[in-house]
């Protein structure tokens, strides 16, 4: 059952991130609530969905994703793309709001495992 909750949270988080990124500017006061929901879904994914052998791969891929998104957004390159730049930037920022909490939780779980006395 836990794994199913994690799977549903992951799919819901990705879909919500894309939708929120595309229409986030039109949501008004609902936007921050939906970003908060993305963060909670990321926490659930980190707690339930990622464990064991997949931990290191997940952390590496998530760190790479976050670095690439940050580098693209920090330079302002995406927002300068005509017509779709703001949408691209919005989607990638929403993906970060989902992925970063999951990455933090998974990394903390791995650190805890490594710190246990054997």
Protein backbone atom coordinates (compact mmCIF):
# COMPACT_ATOMS: atom_id res chain seq x y z
CA UNK A 1 0.00 0.00 0.00
CA UNK A 2 2.85 2.39 0.85
CA UNK A 3 4.44 1.84 -2.54
CA UNK A 4 1.13 2.65 -4.25
CA UNK A 5 0.86 5.92 -2.31
CA UNK A 6 4.39 6.78 -3.40
CA UNK A 7 3.67 5.96 -7.05
CA UNK A 8 0.48 8.01 -7.07
CA UNK A 9 2.27 10.90 -5.32
CA UNK A 10 5.03 10.83 -7.93
CA UNK A 11 2.68 10.85 -10.92
CA UNK A 12 0.45 13.48 -9.32
CA UNK A 13 3.48 15.62 -8.49
CA UNK A 14 4.87 15.56 -12.02
CA UNK A 15 1.49 16.28 -13.61
CA UNK A 16 0.74 19.05 -11.11
CA UNK A 17 4.20 20.57 -11.65
CA UNK A 18 3.67 20.76 -15.41
CA UNK A 19 0.15 22.19 -15.10
CA UNK A 20 1.17 24.62 -12.38
CA UNK A 21 4.16 25.73 -14.42
CA UNK A 22 1.97 26.42 -17.44
CA UNK A 23 -0.90 28.25 -15.74
CA UNK A 24 0.73 29.38 -12.49
CA UNK A 25 0.56 33.05 -13.41
CA UNK A 26 -3.23 32.89 -13.67
CA UNK A 27 -3.92 31.20 -10.33
CA UNK A 28 -3.63 34.20 -8.02
CA UNK A 29 -3.73 33.20 -4.36
CA UNK A 30 -4.23 29.53 -5.24
CA UNK A 31 -0.68 29.30 -6.64
CA UNK A 32 1.15 29.22 -3.28
CA UNK A 33 -1.22 26.52 -2.01
CA UNK A 34 -0.51 24.35 -5.02
CA UNK A 35 3.25 24.87 -4.66
CA UNK A 36 2.86 23.77 -1.02
CA UNK A 37 1.01 20.66 -2.25
CA UNK A 38 3.94 19.95 -4.62
CA UNK A 39 6.36 20.18 -1.70
CA UNK A 40 4.23 17.77 0.38
CA UNK A 41 4.01 15.33 -2.54
CA UNK A 42 7.80 15.52 -2.89
CA UNK A 43 8.19 14.72 0.79
CA UNK A 44 5.88 11.71 0.42
CA UNK A 45 7.83 10.45 -2.59
CA UNK A 46 11.09 10.83 -0.68
CA UNK A 47 9.75 9.00 2.36
CA UNK A 48 7.91 6.17 0.63
CA UNK A 49 9.03 5.69 -2.94
CA UNK A 50 12.84 5.70 -2.94
CA UNK A 51 14.87 3.21 -0.92
CA UNK A 52 17.65 0.66 -1.09
CA UNK A 53 19.70 0.39 -4.26
CA UNK A 54 17.90 3.20 -6.05
CA UNK A 55 18.84 5.79 -3.42
CA UNK A 56 22.21 6.79 -4.85
CA UNK A 57 20.96 6.89 -8.42
CA UNK A 58 17.99 9.00 -7.40
CA UNK A 59 20.12 11.49 -5.48
CA UNK A 60 22.63 11.82 -8.35
CA UNK A 61 19.92 12.32 -10.97
CA UNK A 62 17.96 14.72 -8.78
CA UNK A 63 21.06 16.79 -8.02
CA UNK A 64 21.92 16.91 -11.73
CA UNK A 65 18.35 17.95 -12.56
CA UNK A 66 18.28 20.67 -9.92
CA UNK A 67 21.67 22.04 -11.00
CA UNK A 68 20.66 22.18 -14.66
CA UNK A 69 17.31 23.80 -13.87
CA UNK A 70 18.97 26.31 -11.55
CA UNK A 71 21.68 27.16 -14.06
CA UNK A 72 19.13 27.69 -16.82
CA UNK A 73 16.86 29.78 -14.65
CA UNK A 74 19.56 31.79 -12.93
CA UNK A 75 20.97 33.02 -16.21
CA UNK A 76 17.55 34.26 -17.29
CA UNK A 77 17.92 32.40 -20.57
CA UNK A 78 14.58 30.64 -20.42
CA UNK A 79 12.50 33.70 -19.66
CA UNK A 80 14.02 35.43 -22.68
CA UNK A 81 12.77 32.78 -25.11
CA UNK A 82 9.93 34.26 -27.12
CA UNK A 83 6.40 33.03 -26.47
CA UNK A 84 7.26 29.93 -24.40
CA UNK A 85 10.08 31.15 -22.15
CA UNK A 86 7.93 32.03 -19.16
CA UNK A 87 6.07 28.72 -19.44
CA UNK A 88 9.32 26.73 -19.59
CA UNK A 89 10.65 28.62 -16.61
CA UNK A 90 7.42 28.06 -14.68
CA UNK A 91 7.36 24.32 -15.38
CA UNK A 92 11.00 23.86 -14.38
CA UNK A 93 10.58 25.89 -11.19
CA UNK A 94 7.53 23.80 -10.26
CA UNK A 95 9.51 20.60 -10.95
CA UNK A 96 12.18 21.88 -8.56
CA UNK A 97 9.56 22.51 -5.88
CA UNK A 98 8.61 18.83 -6.23
CA UNK A 99 12.06 17.24 -6.63
CA UNK A 100 14.07 19.15 -4.01
CA UNK A 101 12.05 17.99 -0.95
CA UNK A 102 12.16 14.37 -2.19
CA UNK A 103 15.92 14.64 -2.67
CA UNK A 104 16.47 16.09 0.80
CA UNK A 105 14.44 13.31 2.43
CA UNK A 106 16.17 10.55 0.45
CA UNK A 107 19.61 12.01 1.19
CA UNK A 108 18.81 12.31 4.92
CA UNK A 109 17.60 8.70 5.00
CA UNK A 110 20.85 7.59 3.33
CA UNK A 111 22.96 9.65 5.75
CA UNK A 112 21.10 8.09 8.66
CA UNK A 113 21.75 4.61 7.25
CA UNK A 114 25.45 5.36 6.80
CA UNK A 115 25.71 6.82 10.30
CA UNK A 116 24.28 3.75 12.02
CA UNK A 117 26.82 1.78 13.99
CA UNK A 118 27.20 -1.70 12.57
